Amino acid sequence: MKITRQIVVVDTADLTAESTFWAGLLGGTVQTDADWHTVYVGEEPRLGFQLAPNHVPPDWPNGTQQQIHLDLYVDDLAAAHDHAMSLGARLLKPADDTESAEGFQVYADPAGHPFCLCWG
């Protein structure tokens, strides 16, 4: 068996808000269909978004369990933080020490899915 394409799919009640957020964060573009959006980075499909009108956002860390999360490794945490926040992210857990050799901060995208900006 040969896998010809791999894509992570995220459920959301608001396709436009979710796909626009991730396209902006990853520097990509959005291809839309009625109940599905795909984020392309360059020529490659990277993320899919499926319309789920009854989607319940996870309440990390103490509420509804997260369904999936992405770790994005960045070379400039401050710039990545500012960019994510300008697109509608919410900071859920700041790093204990942003000057350490490695670490992460936890955010939520517009639909409430947790993701991490990591370094090191």
Protein backbone atom coordinates (compact mmCIF):
# COMPACT_ATOMS: atom_id res chain seq x y z
CA MET A 1 0.00 0.00 0.00
CA LYS A 2 1.23 3.47 -0.87
CA ILE A 3 -0.27 6.50 0.83
CA THR A 4 -0.57 9.19 -1.82
CA ARG A 5 -1.75 12.08 0.34
CA GLN A 6 -1.91 12.79 4.05
CA ILE A 7 -4.07 15.51 5.55
CA VAL A 8 -5.30 16.31 9.05
CA VAL A 9 -9.03 17.10 9.16
CA VAL A 10 -10.56 19.36 11.80
CA ASP A 11 -14.28 19.57 12.58
CA THR A 12 -15.73 23.06 12.94
CA ALA A 13 -19.06 24.84 13.01
CA ASP A 14 -17.58 27.85 11.16
CA LEU A 15 -15.61 26.77 8.09
CA THR A 16 -14.59 30.28 7.07
CA ALA A 17 -13.28 31.39 10.46
CA GLU A 18 -11.36 28.16 11.00
CA SER A 19 -9.82 27.75 7.54
CA THR A 20 -8.96 31.47 7.27
CA PHE A 21 -7.23 31.35 10.66
CA TRP A 22 -5.08 28.34 9.75
CA ALA A 23 -4.30 29.62 6.24
CA GLY A 24 -3.12 32.88 7.79
CA LEU A 25 -1.03 31.13 10.44
CA LEU A 26 0.59 28.72 7.97
CA GLY A 27 0.96 31.21 5.10
CA GLY A 28 -1.41 29.30 2.86
CA THR A 29 -4.56 29.67 0.81
CA VAL A 30 -8.05 28.25 1.19
CA GLN A 31 -9.98 26.21 -1.37
CA THR A 32 -13.68 26.09 -0.47
CA ASP A 33 -16.57 23.74 -1.06
CA ALA A 34 -20.00 23.88 0.58
CA ASP A 35 -19.14 21.73 3.60
CA TRP A 36 -15.36 21.35 3.29
CA HIS A 37 -12.38 23.73 3.12
CA THR A 38 -8.78 22.79 2.38
CA VAL A 39 -5.74 24.85 3.34
CA TYR A 40 -2.91 24.64 0.82
CA VAL A 41 0.64 25.71 1.58
CA GLY A 42 2.31 26.05 -1.78
CA GLU A 43 0.89 23.25 -3.90
CA GLU A 44 0.36 20.87 -0.97
CA PRO A 45 -2.92 20.37 0.91
CA ARG A 46 -2.03 20.61 4.60
CA LEU A 47 -5.28 20.81 6.56
CA GLY A 48 -8.90 19.94 5.85
CA PHE A 49 -11.92 21.43 7.60
CA GLN A 50 -15.21 19.58 7.73
CA LEU A 51 -18.47 21.32 8.55
CA ALA A 52 -19.75 20.01 11.88
CA PRO A 53 -22.66 22.26 12.89
CA ASN A 54 -22.89 20.69 16.37
CA HIS A 55 -19.15 20.88 17.10
CA VAL A 56 -18.45 21.40 20.80
CA PRO A 57 -15.09 23.09 21.39
CA PRO A 58 -12.76 21.35 23.83
CA ASP A 59 -12.27 23.19 27.10
CA TRP A 60 -8.59 22.54 27.70
CA PRO A 61 -7.22 21.57 30.16
CA ASN A 62 -10.03 20.81 32.62
CA GLY A 63 -13.20 20.45 30.59
CA THR A 64 -14.21 18.59 27.44
CA GLN A 65 -11.20 16.63 26.22
CA GLN A 66 -9.25 17.90 23.25
CA GLN A 67 -9.77 15.88 20.10
CA ILE A 68 -6.47 16.73 18.39
CA HIS A 69 -3.78 19.37 18.56
CA LEU A 70 -0.93 20.58 16.39
CA ASP A 71 2.58 21.48 17.53
CA LEU A 72 4.10 24.21 15.37
CA TYR A 73 7.83 24.80 15.89
CA VAL A 74 8.79 28.44 15.37
CA ASP A 75 12.05 30.36 15.19
CA ASP A 76 10.66 33.53 16.79
CA LEU A 77 8.08 32.95 19.53
CA ALA A 78 7.21 36.63 20.02
CA ALA A 79 6.50 37.14 16.32
CA ALA A 80 4.57 33.86 16.05
CA HIS A 81 2.54 34.76 19.15
CA ASP A 82 1.65 38.21 17.78
CA HIS A 83 0.71 36.72 14.40
CA ALA A 84 -1.48 33.98 15.91
CA MET A 85 -3.22 36.45 18.23
CA SER A 86 -3.88 38.87 15.35
CA LEU A 87 -5.67 36.04 13.52
CA GLY A 88 -7.95 35.27 16.46
CA ALA A 89 -6.02 32.80 18.62
CA ARG A 90 -6.49 32.76 22.39
CA LEU A 91 -3.56 32.07 24.72
CA LEU A 92 -4.53 29.19 27.02
CA LYS A 93 -1.23 28.51 28.81
CA PRO A 94 1.81 30.77 28.62
CA ALA A 95 5.26 29.21 28.85
CA ASP A 96 6.89 29.14 32.26
CA ASP A 97 10.05 30.64 30.76
CA THR A 98 10.13 31.97 27.18
CA GLU A 99 13.92 32.36 27.44
CA SER A 100 14.55 28.64 28.00
CA ALA A 101 16.25 26.55 25.30
CA GLU A 102 13.01 24.73 24.56
CA GLY A 103 9.37 25.04 25.47
CA PHE A 104 5.84 25.69 24.29
CA GLN A 105 2.79 27.85 24.77
CA VAL A 106 -0.75 26.52 24.35
CA TYR A 107 -3.33 28.44 22.30
CA ALA A 108 -6.83 27.85 20.96
CA ASP A 109 -7.90 28.52 17.38
CA PRO A 110 -11.25 30.26 16.66
CA ALA A 111 -13.18 26.97 17.08
CA GLY A 112 -11.42 26.24 20.39
CA HIS A 113 -9.00 23.55 19.17
CA PRO A 114 -5.76 23.69 21.18
CA PHE A 115 -2.43 24.07 19.39
CA CYS A 116 1.09 24.78 20.59
CA LEU A 117 3.75 27.20 19.46
CA CYS A 118 6.98 25.40 20.33
CA TRP A 119 10.67 26.17 20.17
CA GLY A 120 13.93 24.34 20.72
